[in-house]
PDB file of N, CA and C in Angstrom:
ATOM      1  N   MET A   1      98.175  88.120 323.997  1.00  0.00           N
ATOM      2  CA  MET A   1      98.628  89.345 323.241  1.00  0.00           C
ATOM      3  C   MET A   1      97.941  90.341 322.430  1.00  0.00           C
ATOM      4  N   ARG A   2      96.599  89.549 322.403  1.00  0.00           N
ATOM      5  CA  ARG A   2      95.200  90.373 321.043  1.00  0.00           C
ATOM      6  C   ARG A   2      94.560  90.685 322.231  1.00  0.00           C
ATOM      7  N   LEU A   3      94.220  90.881 323.234  1.00  0.00           N
ATOM      8  CA  LEU A   3      93.617  91.470 324.218  1.00  0.00           C
ATOM      9  C   LEU A   3      94.158  92.401 324.176  1.00  0.00           C
ATOM     10  N   ALA A   4      95.951  92.940 324.095  1.00  0.00           N
ATOM     11  CA  ALA A   4      96.904  93.991 324.532  1.00  0.00           C
ATOM     12  C   ALA A   4      96.453  94.978 323.575  1.00  0.00           C
ATOM     13  N   ALA A   5      96.449  94.024 322.359  1.00  0.00           N
ATOM     14  CA  ALA A   5      97.222  95.221 321.163  1.00  0.00           C
ATOM     15  C   ALA A   5      95.574  96.039 320.578  1.00  0.00           C
ATOM     16  N   LEU A   6      94.098  95.364 321.306  1.00  0.00           N
ATOM     17  CA  LEU A   6      92.687  96.165 321.159  1.00  0.00           C
ATOM     18  C   LEU A   6      92.761  96.575 322.217  1.00  0.00           C
ATOM     19  N   ALA A   7      92.818  96.783 323.204  1.00  0.00           N
ATOM     20  CA  ALA A   7      93.419  98.048 324.313  1.00  0.00           C
ATOM     21  C   ALA A   7      93.973  99.141 323.676  1.00  0.00           C
ATOM     22  N   LEU A   8      95.453  98.577 323.589  1.00  0.00           N
ATOM     23  CA  LEU A   8      95.774  99.989 323.009  1.00  0.00           C
ATOM     24  C   LEU A   8      95.188 100.113 321.727  1.00  0.00           C
ATOM     25  N   LEU A   9      94.847  99.690 320.977  1.00  0.00           N
ATOM     26  CA  LEU A   9      94.387  99.915 319.778  1.00  0.00           C
ATOM     27  C   LEU A   9      92.790 100.929 320.222  1.00  0.00           C
ATOM     28  N   LEU A  10      92.164 100.877 321.335  1.00  0.00           N
ATOM     29  CA  LEU A  10      91.294 101.482 321.791  1.00  0.00           C
ATOM     30  C   LEU A  10      91.620 102.655 322.255  1.00  0.00           C
ATOM     31  N   VAL A  11      92.542 102.742 323.646  1.00  0.00           N
ATOM     32  CA  VAL A  11      93.472 103.683 324.109  1.00  0.00           C
ATOM     33  C   VAL A  11      93.444 104.821 323.072  1.00  0.00           C
ATOM     34  N   ALA A  12      94.801 104.271 321.647  1.00  0.00           N
ATOM     35  CA  ALA A  12      95.106 105.434 320.925  1.00  0.00           C
ATOM     36  C   ALA A  12      94.037 105.632 319.824  1.00  0.00           C
ATOM     37  N   ALA A  13      92.582 105.480 320.092  1.00  0.00           N
ATOM     38  CA  ALA A  13      91.355 105.464 319.435  1.00  0.00           C
ATOM     39  C   ALA A  13      90.511 106.876 320.373  1.00  0.00           C
ATOM     40  N   ALA A  14      90.900 106.676 321.427  1.00  0.00           N
ATOM     41  CA  ALA A  14      90.731 107.492 322.680  1.00  0.00           C
ATOM     42  C   ALA A  14      90.728 108.577 322.726  1.00  0.00           C
ATOM     43  N   PHE A  15      92.539 108.453 322.290  1.00  0.00           N
ATOM     44  CA  PHE A  15      93.439 110.058 322.095  1.00  0.00           C
ATOM     45  C   PHE A  15      92.840 110.961 320.857  1.00  0.00           C
ATOM     46  N   TYR A  16      92.291 110.768 320.353  1.00  0.00           N
ATOM     47  CA  TYR A  16      90.734 110.862 318.663  1.00  0.00           C
ATOM     48  C   TYR A  16      89.695 111.749 319.017  1.00  0.00           C
ATOM     49  N   VAL A  17      88.973 110.398 319.596  1.00  0.00           N
ATOM     50  CA  VAL A  17      87.883 111.584 320.293  1.00  0.00           C
ATOM     51  C   VAL A  17      87.294 112.555 320.288  1.00  0.00           C
ATOM     52  N   SER A  18      88.225 112.946 321.344  1.00  0.00           N
ATOM     53  CA  SER A  18      88.272 114.507 321.813  1.00  0.00           C
ATOM     54  C   SER A  18      88.903 115.707 320.883  1.00  0.00           C
ATOM     55  N   PRO A  19      89.727 115.385 320.102  1.00  0.00           N
ATOM     56  CA  PRO A  19      90.201 116.791 319.438  1.00  0.00           C
ATOM     57  C   PRO A  19      89.073 116.402 318.183  1.00  0.00           C
ATOM     58  N   LEU A  20      88.597 115.764 317.873  1.00  0.00           N
ATOM     59  CA  LEU A  20      87.770 115.665 316.688  1.00  0.00           C
ATOM     60  C   LEU A  20      86.755 115.921 316.919  1.00  0.00           C
ATOM     61  N   ARG A  21      85.629 115.442 318.594  1.00  0.00           N
ATOM     62  CA  ARG A  21      84.905 116.451 319.146  1.00  0.00           C
ATOM     63  C   ARG A  21      84.855 117.908 318.848  1.00  0.00           C
ATOM     64  N   ALA A  22      85.929 118.019 319.289  1.00  0.00           N
ATOM     65  CA  ALA A  22      86.033 120.085 319.412  1.00  0.00           C
ATOM     66  C   ALA A  22      86.653 120.787 318.036  1.00  0.00           C
ATOM     67  N   PHE A  23      87.252 120.412 316.944  1.00  0.00           N
ATOM     68  CA  PHE A  23      86.801 120.307 315.635  1.00  0.00           C
ATOM     69  C   PHE A  23      85.687 120.343 315.296  1.00  0.00           C
ATOM     70  N   PHE A  24      84.480 119.140 315.243  1.00  0.00           N
ATOM     71  CA  PHE A  24      83.311 119.274 314.622  1.00  0.00           C
ATOM     72  C   PHE A  24      82.841 120.143 315.341  1.00  0.00           C
ATOM     73  N   ALA A  25      83.131 120.894 316.601  1.00  0.00           N
ATOM     74  CA  ALA A  25      81.854 121.754 317.465  1.00  0.00           C
ATOM     75  C   ALA A  25      82.356 123.005 316.855  1.00  0.00           C
ATOM     76  N   GLN A  26      84.189 123.723 316.478  1.00  0.00           N
ATOM     77  CA  GLN A  26      84.010 124.193 316.415  1.00  0.00           C
ATOM     78  C   GLN A  26      84.123 124.610 315.060  1.00  0.00           C
ATOM     79  N   GLN A  27      83.873 123.292 313.919  1.00  0.00           N
ATOM     80  CA  GLN A  27      83.614 124.275 312.584  1.00  0.00           C
ATOM     81  C   GLN A  27      81.478 124.428 312.912  1.00  0.00           C
ATOM     82  N   ASP A  28      81.259 123.920 313.393  1.00  0.00           N
ATOM     83  CA  ASP A  28      79.591 124.215 313.700  1.00  0.00           C
ATOM     84  C   ASP A  28      79.833 125.670 313.934  1.00  0.00           C
ATOM     85  N   ARG A  29      80.843 126.020 314.835  1.00  0.00           N
ATOM     86  CA  ARG A  29      80.528 127.454 315.166  1.00  0.00           C
ATOM     87  C   ARG A  29      80.970 128.305 314.399  1.00  0.00           C
ATOM     88  N   TYR A  30      81.439 128.131 313.908  1.00  0.00           N
ATOM     89  CA  TYR A  30      81.694 128.931 312.370  1.00  0.00           C
ATOM     90  C   TYR A  30      81.328 128.902 311.540  1.00  0.00           C
ATOM     91  N   ASP A  31      80.780 127.439 310.718  1.00  0.00           N
ATOM     92  CA  ASP A  31      79.159 128.074 309.901  1.00  0.00           C
ATOM     93  C   ASP A  31      78.255 128.944 311.017  1.00  0.00           C
ATOM     94  N   ARG A  32      77.967 128.559 311.589  1.00  0.00           N
ATOM     95  CA  ARG A  32      76.610 129.635 312.666  1.00  0.00           C
ATOM     96  C   ARG A  32      77.083 131.255 312.059  1.00  0.00           C
ATOM     97  N   GLN A  33      78.324 131.652 312.444  1.00  0.00           N
ATOM     98  CA  GLN A  33      78.763 133.280 312.829  1.00  0.00           C
ATOM     99  C   GLN A  33      78.497 133.544 310.902  1.00  0.00           C
ATOM    100  N   VAL A  34      79.430 132.651 310.706  1.00  0.00           N
ATOM    101  CA  VAL A  34      79.758 132.538 308.184  1.00  0.00           C
ATOM    102  C   VAL A  34      77.813 133.106 308.369  1.00  0.00           C
ATOM    103  N   ALA A  35      77.033 132.290 308.353  1.00  0.00           N
ATOM    104  CA  ALA A  35      75.935 132.774 308.651  1.00  0.00           C
ATOM    105  C   ALA A  35      75.319 133.894 309.011  1.00  0.00           C
ATOM    106  N   ALA A  36      75.182 134.715 310.576  1.00  0.00           N
ATOM    107  CA  ALA A  36      74.420 135.398 310.487  1.00  0.00           C
ATOM    108  C   ALA A  36      75.861 136.325 309.827  1.00  0.00           C
ATOM    109  N   LEU A  37      77.071 136.493 310.205  1.00  0.00           N
ATOM    110  CA  LEU A  37      77.988 137.693 309.528  1.00  0.00           C
ATOM    111  C   LEU A  37      77.067 137.881 307.704  1.00  0.00           C
ATOM    112  N   ALA A  38      76.551 136.920 307.061  1.00  0.00           N
ATOM    113  CA  ALA A  38      76.013 137.350 305.768  1.00  0.00           C
ATOM    114  C   ALA A  38      74.310 137.576 306.188  1.00  0.00           C
ATOM    115  N   GLN A  39      74.165 137.638 307.132  1.00  0.00           N
ATOM    116  CA  GLN A  39      72.645 138.195 307.281  1.00  0.00           C
ATOM    117  C   GLN A  39      73.248 139.296 308.033  1.00  0.00           C
ATOM    118  N   ALA A  40      73.534 139.682 309.013  1.00  0.00           N
ATOM    119  CA  ALA A  40      74.698 141.129 308.818  1.00  0.00           C
ATOM    120  C   ALA A  40      74.720 141.559 307.993  1.00  0.00           C
ATOM    121  N   ARG A  41      75.596 141.523 306.761  1.00  0.00           N
ATOM    122  CA  ARG A  41      75.783 142.010 305.725  1.00  0.00           C
ATOM    123  C   ARG A  41      74.768 142.282 305.115  1.00  0.00           C
ATOM    124  N   VAL A  42      73.683 141.823 304.581  1.00  0.00           N
ATOM    125  CA  VAL A  42      72.267 141.663 304.185  1.00  0.00           C
ATOM    126  C   VAL A  42      71.075 142.829 304.836  1.00  0.00           C
ATOM    127  N   ALA A  43      71.647 143.114 306.154  1.00  0.00           N
ATOM    128  CA  ALA A  43      70.772 143.834 307.027  1.00  0.00           C
ATOM    129  C   ALA A  43      71.038 145.545 307.252  1.00  0.00           C
ATOM    130  N   ASN A  44      72.976 145.226 306.586  1.00  0.00           N
ATOM    131  CA  ASN A  44      73.130 146.513 306.602  1.00  0.00           C
ATOM    132  C   ASN A  44      72.789 147.312 304.800  1.00  0.00           C
ATOM    133  N   GLN A  45      73.314 146.600 304.297  1.00  0.00           N
ATOM    134  CA  GLN A  45      73.076 146.971 303.061  1.00  0.00           C
ATOM    135  C   GLN A  45      71.772 146.785 302.458  1.00  0.00           C
ATOM    136  N   THR A  46      70.721 146.931 302.940  1.00  0.00           N
ATOM    137  CA  THR A  46      68.848 147.154 303.264  1.00  0.00           C
ATOM    138  C   THR A  46      69.573 148.035 304.240  1.00  0.00           C
ATOM    139  N   LEU A  47      69.230 148.853 305.026  1.00  0.00           N
ATOM    140  CA  LEU A  47      69.807 149.949 305.600  1.00  0.00           C
ATOM    141  C   LEU A  47      70.425 151.090 305.006  1.00  0.00           C
ATOM    142  N   LEU A  48      71.600 150.503 304.407  1.00  0.00           N
ATOM    143  CA  LEU A  48      72.120 151.828 303.511  1.00  0.00           C
ATOM    144  C   LEU A  48      71.696 152.227 302.437  1.00  0.00           C
ATOM    145  N   THR A  49      70.602 151.260 302.295  1.00  0.00           N
ATOM    146  CA  THR A  49      69.975 151.564 300.763  1.00  0.00           C
ATOM    147  C   THR A  49      68.554 152.554 301.803  1.00  0.00           C
ATOM    148  N   GLN A  50      68.184 151.838 302.344  1.00  0.00           N
ATOM    149  CA  GLN A  50      66.939 152.826 303.117  1.00  0.00           C
ATOM    150  C   GLN A  50      67.192 154.394 303.434  1.00  0.00           C
ATOM    151  N   ILE A  51      68.473 154.183 303.783  1.00  0.00           N
ATOM    152  CA  ILE A  51      69.137 155.877 304.238  1.00  0.00           C
ATOM    153  C   ILE A  51      69.551 156.638 302.817  1.00  0.00           C
ATOM    154  N   GLU A  52      69.924 156.058 301.893  1.00  0.00           N
ATOM    155  CA  GLU A  52      69.932 156.526 300.494  1.00  0.00           C
ATOM    156  C   GLU A  52      68.322 156.722 299.760  1.00  0.00           C
ATOM    157  N   ARG A  53      67.656 156.489 300.032  1.00  0.00           N
ATOM    158  CA  ARG A  53      66.599 156.418 299.712  1.00  0.00           C
ATOM    159  C   ARG A  53      65.535 157.656 300.298  1.00  0.00           C
ATOM    160  N   MET A  54      66.020 157.543 301.901  1.00  0.00           N
ATOM    161  CA  MET A  54      65.311 158.879 302.647  1.00  0.00           C
ATOM    162  C   MET A  54      66.336 160.250 302.461  1.00  0.00           C
ATOM    163  N   HIS A  55      67.131 160.306 301.469  1.00  0.00           N
ATOM    164  CA  HIS A  55      67.660 161.417 301.537  1.00  0.00           C
ATOM    165  C   HIS A  55      67.516 162.102 300.074  1.00  0.00           C
ATOM    166  N   THR A  56      66.637 161.645 299.353  1.00  0.00           N
ATOM    167  CA  THR A  56      65.868 161.837 298.333  1.00  0.00           C
ATOM    168  C   THR A  56      64.809 162.723 298.150  1.00  0.00           C
ATOM    169  N   ARG A  57      64.853 163.409 297.354  1.00  0.00           N
ATOM    170  CA  ARG A  57      64.128 164.279 296.917  1.00  0.00           C
ATOM    171  C   ARG A  57      62.613 163.561 297.682  1.00  0.00           C
ATOM    172  N   ASP A  58      61.963 163.031 296.280  1.00  0.00           N
ATOM    173  CA  ASP A  58      61.014 162.092 296.844  1.00  0.00           C
ATOM    174  C   ASP A  58      60.492 161.511 298.152  1.00  0.00           C
ATOM    175  N   PHE A  59      61.348 161.097 299.071  1.00  0.00           N
ATOM    176  CA  PHE A  59      60.512 160.374 299.614  1.00  0.00           C
ATOM    177  C   PHE A  59      60.232 161.220 300.710  1.00  0.00           C
ATOM    178  N   ILE A  60      60.618 162.828 300.816  1.00  0.00           N
ATOM    179  CA  ILE A  60      60.524 163.612 301.880  1.00  0.00           C
ATOM    180  C   ILE A  60      59.698 164.673 301.319  1.00  0.00           C
ATOM    181  N   THR A  61      59.269 164.483 300.350  1.00  0.00           N
ATOM    182  CA  THR A  61      57.681 164.850 299.537  1.00  0.00           C
ATOM    183  C   THR A  61      56.554 164.124 299.860  1.00  0.00           C
ATOM    184  N   ARG A  62      56.663 162.878 299.847  1.00  0.00           N
ATOM    185  CA  ARG A  62      56.119 161.344 300.317  1.00  0.00           C
ATOM    186  C   ARG A  62      55.283 161.759 301.970  1.00  0.00           C
ATOM    187  N   GLN A  63      56.490 161.516 302.522  1.00  0.00           N
ATOM    188  CA  GLN A  63      56.426 161.698 303.949  1.00  0.00           C
ATOM    189  C   GLN A  63      56.397 163.409 304.614  1.00  0.00           C
ATOM    190  N   ALA A  64      56.056 164.374 303.925  1.00  0.00           N
ATOM    191  CA  ALA A  64      55.592 165.135 304.481  1.00  0.00           C
ATOM    192  C   ALA A  64      54.648 165.349 303.945  1.00  0.00           C
ATOM    193  N   ARG A  65      53.880 164.201 302.800  1.00  0.00           N
ATOM    194  CA  ARG A  65      51.940 164.186 302.387  1.00  0.00           C
ATOM    195  C   ARG A  65      51.440 163.300 303.666  1.00  0.00           C
ATOM    196  N   GLU A  66      52.001 162.692 303.739  1.00  0.00           N
ATOM    197  CA  GLU A  66      51.958 160.836 304.383  1.00  0.00           C
ATOM    198  C   GLU A  66      51.359 161.283 305.667  1.00  0.00           C
ATOM    199  N   GLN A  67      52.742 161.920 306.459  1.00  0.00           N
ATOM    200  CA  GLN A  67      52.661 162.160 308.346  1.00  0.00           C
ATOM    201  C   GLN A  67      52.487 162.937 308.882  1.00  0.00           C
ATOM    202  N   TYR A  68      52.570 164.541 307.800  1.00  0.00           N
ATOM    203  CA  TYR A  68      52.230 166.001 308.134  1.00  0.00           C
ATOM    204  C   TYR A  68      51.113 166.676 307.437  1.00  0.00           C
ATOM    205  N   GLN A  69      51.037 165.932 306.782  1.00  0.00           N
ATOM    206  CA  GLN A  69      49.459 166.703 305.477  1.00  0.00           C
ATOM    207  C   GLN A  69      49.930 167.592 305.305  1.00  0.00           C
ATOM    208  N   LEU A  70      51.181 167.294 304.932  1.00  0.00           N
ATOM    209  CA  LEU A  70      51.902 168.704 304.288  1.00  0.00           C
ATOM    210  C   LEU A  70      51.697 168.812 302.173  1.00  0.00           C
ATOM    211  N   VAL A  71      51.499 169.976 301.198  1.00  0.00           N
ATOM    212  CA  VAL A  71      51.732 169.514 299.912  1.00  0.00           C
ATOM    213  C   VAL A  71      52.531 171.001 299.525  1.00  0.00           C
ATOM    214  N   PRO A  72      52.961 171.160 297.933  1.00  0.00           N
ATOM    215  CA  PRO A  72      52.999 172.409 298.240  1.00  0.00           C
ATOM    216  C   PRO A  72      52.625 172.964 297.670  1.00  0.00           C
ATOM    217  N   ALA A  73      52.655 174.319 297.363  1.00  0.00           N
ATOM    218  CA  ALA A  73      51.466 175.763 297.348  1.00  0.00           C
ATOM    219  C   ALA A  73      51.266 175.501 296.392  1.00  0.00           C
ATOM    220  N   GLY A  74      49.959 175.989 296.169  1.00  0.00           N
ATOM    221  CA  GLY A  74      48.556 175.933 295.306  1.00  0.00           C
ATOM    222  C   GLY A  74      48.501 174.233 294.954  1.00  0.00           C
ATOM    223  N   LEU A  75      48.903 173.425 296.071  1.00  0.00           N
ATOM    224  CA  LEU A  75      48.048 172.134 295.690  1.00  0.00           C
ATOM    225  C   LEU A  75      46.543 172.186 297.458  1.00  0.00           C
ATOM    226  N   GLN A  76      46.024 171.030 296.824  1.00  0.00           N
ATOM    227  CA  GLN A  76      44.652 170.772 297.643  1.00  0.00           C
ATOM    228  C   GLN A  76      45.008 169.531 298.211  1.00  0.00           C
ATOM    229  N   ALA A  77      45.550 168.655 299.291  1.00  0.00           N
ATOM    230  CA  ALA A  77      45.363 167.935 300.144  1.00  0.00           C
ATOM    231  C   ALA A  77      44.037 167.013 299.803  1.00  0.00           C
ATOM    232  N   PHE A  78      43.509 165.844 299.244  1.00  0.00           N
ATOM    233  CA  PHE A  78      42.362 165.003 299.721  1.00  0.00           C
ATOM    234  C   PHE A  78      42.761 164.325 300.558  1.00  0.00           C
ATOM    235  N   VAL A  79      41.454 163.155 301.256  1.00  0.00           N
ATOM    236  CA  VAL A  79      41.486 162.740 302.441  1.00  0.00           C
ATOM    237  C   VAL A  79      40.738 161.297 302.009  1.00  0.00           C
ATOM    238  N   VAL A  80      41.021 159.753 301.508  1.00  0.00           N
ATOM    239  CA  VAL A  80      39.962 159.400 300.950  1.00  0.00           C
ATOM    240  C   VAL A  80      39.886 158.093 301.578  1.00  0.00           C
ATOM    241  N   LYS A  81      39.119 157.503 302.627  1.00  0.00           N
ATOM    242  CA  LYS A  81      38.962 156.858 303.094  1.00  0.00           C
ATOM    243  C   LYS A  81      38.349 155.084 302.287  1.00  0.00           C
ATOM    244  N   GLY A  82      38.585 154.487 303.503  1.00  0.00           N
ATOM    245  CA  GLY A  82      37.396 152.864 302.151  1.00  0.00           C
ATOM    246  C   GLY A  82      38.533 152.225 301.801  1.00  0.00           C
ATOM    247  N   LEU A  83      39.415 152.598 302.415  1.00  0.00           N
ATOM    248  CA  LEU A  83      40.878 151.657 300.987  1.00  0.00           C
ATOM    249  C   LEU A  83      41.212 150.415 301.412  1.00  0.00           C
ATOM    250  N   PRO A  84      42.015 149.446 300.554  1.00  0.00           N
ATOM    251  CA  PRO A  84      41.900 148.628 301.552  1.00  0.00           C
ATOM    252  C   PRO A  84      43.272 148.026 301.897  1.00  0.00           C
ATOM    253  N   ALA A  85      43.323 147.958 302.718  1.00  0.00           N
ATOM    254  CA  ALA A  85      45.187 147.088 304.047  1.00  0.00           C
ATOM    255  C   ALA A  85      45.662 146.949 302.793  1.00  0.00           C
ATOM    256  N   ALA A  86      47.240 147.512 302.894  1.00  0.00           N
ATOM    257  CA  ALA A  86      48.279 146.798 302.596  1.00  0.00           C
ATOM    258  C   ALA A  86      48.367 145.834 302.565  1.00  0.00           C
ATOM    259  N   GLN A  87      48.850 145.313 302.058  1.00  0.00           N
ATOM    260  CA  GLN A  87      49.183 143.462 301.855  1.00  0.00           C
ATOM    261  C   GLN A  87      50.528 143.921 302.536  1.00  0.00           C
ATOM    262  N   PRO A  88      50.739 142.677 303.465  1.00  0.00           N
ATOM    263  CA  PRO A  88      51.954 143.066 304.309  1.00  0.00           C
ATOM    264  C   PRO A  88      53.384 141.598 303.232  1.00  0.00           C
ATOM    265  N   SER A  89      54.170 142.326 303.370  1.00  0.00           N
ATOM    266  CA  SER A  89      55.067 141.654 302.407  1.00  0.00           C
ATOM    267  C   SER A  89      55.552 140.491 303.417  1.00  0.00           C
ATOM    268  N   ALA A  90      56.210 139.537 302.615  1.00  0.00           N
ATOM    269  CA  ALA A  90      56.894 138.466 303.320  1.00  0.00           C
ATOM    270  C   ALA A  90      58.209 138.298 304.243  1.00  0.00           C
ATOM    271  N   ALA A  91      59.058 138.268 304.839  1.00  0.00           N
ATOM    272  CA  ALA A  91      59.759 138.750 305.796  1.00  0.00           C
ATOM    273  C   ALA A  91      60.768 138.038 305.065  1.00  0.00           C
ATOM    274  N   PRO A  92      61.853 137.690 305.214  1.00  0.00           N
ATOM    275  CA  PRO A  92      62.945 136.777 305.175  1.00  0.00           C
ATOM    276  C   PRO A  92      62.752 135.670 306.522  1.00  0.00           C
ATOM    277  N   SER A  93      63.410 134.537 306.406  1.00  0.00           N
ATOM    278  CA  SER A  93      63.292 133.410 307.380  1.00  0.00           C
ATOM    279  C   SER A  93      64.227 133.365 307.336  1.00  0.00           C
ATOM    280  N   GLY A  94      64.333 133.217 308.971  1.00  0.00           N
ATOM    281  CA  GLY A  94      66.184 133.507 310.091  1.00  0.00           C
ATOM    282  C   GLY A  94      66.051 132.179 309.827  1.00  0.00           C
ATOM    283  N   ALA A  95      65.895 131.230 308.872  1.00  0.00           N
ATOM    284  CA  ALA A  95      66.819 129.765 308.752  1.00  0.00           C
ATOM    285  C   ALA A  95      67.746 129.268 308.488  1.00  0.00           C
ATOM    286  N   VAL A  96      68.500 128.246 309.510  1.00  0.00           N
ATOM    287  CA  VAL A  96      69.714 127.587 309.810  1.00  0.00           C
ATOM    288  C   VAL A  96      69.548 126.779 308.207  1.00  0.00           C
ATOM    289  N   ALA A  97      70.258 127.226 308.340  1.00  0.00           N
ATOM    290  CA  ALA A  97      71.425 125.633 307.746  1.00  0.00           C
ATOM    291  C   ALA A  97      71.641 124.423 307.927  1.00  0.00           C
ATOM    292  N   PRO A  98      71.304 123.304 307.326  1.00  0.00           N
ATOM    293  CA  PRO A  98      71.097 122.080 308.660  1.00  0.00           C
ATOM    294  C   PRO A  98      72.820 121.629 308.702  1.00  0.00           C
ATOM    295  N   ALA A  99      73.249 121.331 309.778  1.00  0.00           N
ATOM    296  CA  ALA A  99      74.446 120.598 310.165  1.00  0.00           C
ATOM    297  C   ALA A  99      74.761 119.671 309.293  1.00  0.00           C
ATOM    298  N   PRO A 100      76.267 120.184 308.616  1.00  0.00           N
ATOM    299  CA  PRO A 100      77.139 119.475 307.249  1.00  0.00           C
ATOM    300  C   PRO A 100      77.088 117.296 308.095  1.00  0.00           C
ATOM    301  N   SER A 101      76.628 116.447 306.614  1.00  0.00           N
ATOM    302  CA  SER A 101      76.907 114.723 308.074  1.00  0.00           C
ATOM    303  C   SER A 101      78.194 115.097 307.837  1.00  0.00           C
ATOM    304  N   LEU A 102      78.301 114.285 308.443  1.00  0.00           N
ATOM    305  CA  LEU A 102      79.440 113.084 308.770  1.00  0.00           C
ATOM    306  C   LEU A 102      80.151 112.770 307.650  1.00  0.00           C
ATOM    307  N   LEU A 103      79.755 112.738 306.634  1.00  0.00           N
ATOM    308  CA  LEU A 103      81.048 112.259 305.640  1.00  0.00           C
ATOM    309  C   LEU A 103      81.952 113.570 305.095  1.00  0.00           C
ATOM    310  N   ALA A 104      80.822 115.123 305.169  1.00  0.00           N
ATOM    311  CA  ALA A 104      80.800 116.074 304.543  1.00  0.00           C
ATOM    312  C   ALA A 104      81.779 116.704 305.833  1.00  0.00           C
ATOM    313  N   ARG A 105      81.715 116.483 307.084  1.00  0.00           N
ATOM    314  CA  ARG A 105      82.347 116.536 308.234  1.00  0.00           C
ATOM    315  C   ARG A 105      84.165 115.773 307.923  1.00  0.00           C
ATOM    316  N   LEU A 106      84.418 114.712 307.687  1.00  0.00           N
ATOM    317  CA  LEU A 106      85.485 114.409 307.761  1.00  0.00           C
ATOM    318  C   LEU A 106      86.372 114.249 306.416  1.00  0.00           C
ATOM    319  N   ALA A 107      85.531 115.064 305.257  1.00  0.00           N
ATOM    320  CA  ALA A 107      85.894 115.176 304.017  1.00  0.00           C
ATOM    321  C   ALA A 107      86.443 116.615 304.251  1.00  0.00           C
ATOM    322  N   ASP A 108      86.556 117.766 305.202  1.00  0.00           N
ATOM    323  CA  ASP A 108      86.612 119.466 305.444  1.00  0.00           C
ATOM    324  C   ASP A 108      87.916 118.869 306.294  1.00  0.00           C
ATOM    325  N   LEU A 109      88.361 118.135 307.787  1.00  0.00           N
ATOM    326  CA  LEU A 109      88.855 117.603 308.420  1.00  0.00           C
ATOM    327  C   LEU A 109      89.632 117.582 307.044  1.00  0.00           C
ATOM    328  N   TRP A 110      89.884 116.133 306.722  1.00  0.00           N
ATOM    329  CA  TRP A 110      90.539 115.297 305.186  1.00  0.00           C
ATOM    330  C   TRP A 110      91.561 116.730 304.937  1.00  0.00           C
ATOM    331  N   ARG A 111      90.759 117.830 304.318  1.00  0.00           N
ATOM    332  CA  ARG A 111      91.219 118.634 303.491  1.00  0.00           C
ATOM    333  C   ARG A 111      91.847 119.726 304.367  1.00  0.00           C
ATOM    334  N   THR A 112      91.165 120.160 305.528  1.00  0.00           N
ATOM    335  CA  THR A 112      92.542 120.809 306.574  1.00  0.00           C
ATOM    336  C   THR A 112      93.979 120.023 307.054  1.00  0.00           C
ATOM    337  N   ILE A 113      93.511 119.100 307.313  1.00  0.00           N
ATOM    338  CA  ILE A 113      94.833 118.439 307.624  1.00  0.00           C
ATOM    339  C   ILE A 113      96.040 118.538 306.343  1.00  0.00           C
ATOM    340  N   ARG A 114      95.370 118.695 305.175  1.00  0.00           N
ATOM    341  CA  ARG A 114      96.374 117.990 303.675  1.00  0.00           C
ATOM    342  C   ARG A 114      97.293 119.621 302.982  1.00  0.00           C
ATOM    343  N   GLU A 115      96.649 120.756 304.237  1.00  0.00           N
ATOM    344  CA  GLU A 115      96.424 121.957 303.787  1.00  0.00           C
ATOM    345  C   GLU A 115      97.650 122.925 304.753  1.00  0.00           C
TER     346      GLU A 115
END
């Protein structure tokens, strides 16, 4: 009798393993996609800011001086050699947040079931 109850309990538990595994995998995919979306939004905002800056008179004047050595009428351009190279700015790292713990996953599962 106990063996049959144990076997029945194991069969019932086996029915829950696959859906839980699929839920956790979907949760991981969702977290990765949310992180990718956040990075894409930041990159998009950076590009929009850069586009706005490119439309300013100061940017156009600076580009004309740096790339084409053009200066306004009446001014003379000078090239100064031997200056130290500019320090590269630190690029944002593409660090991925760690996967949530089993307890956090189960809490999220419980919250999902209750809703």
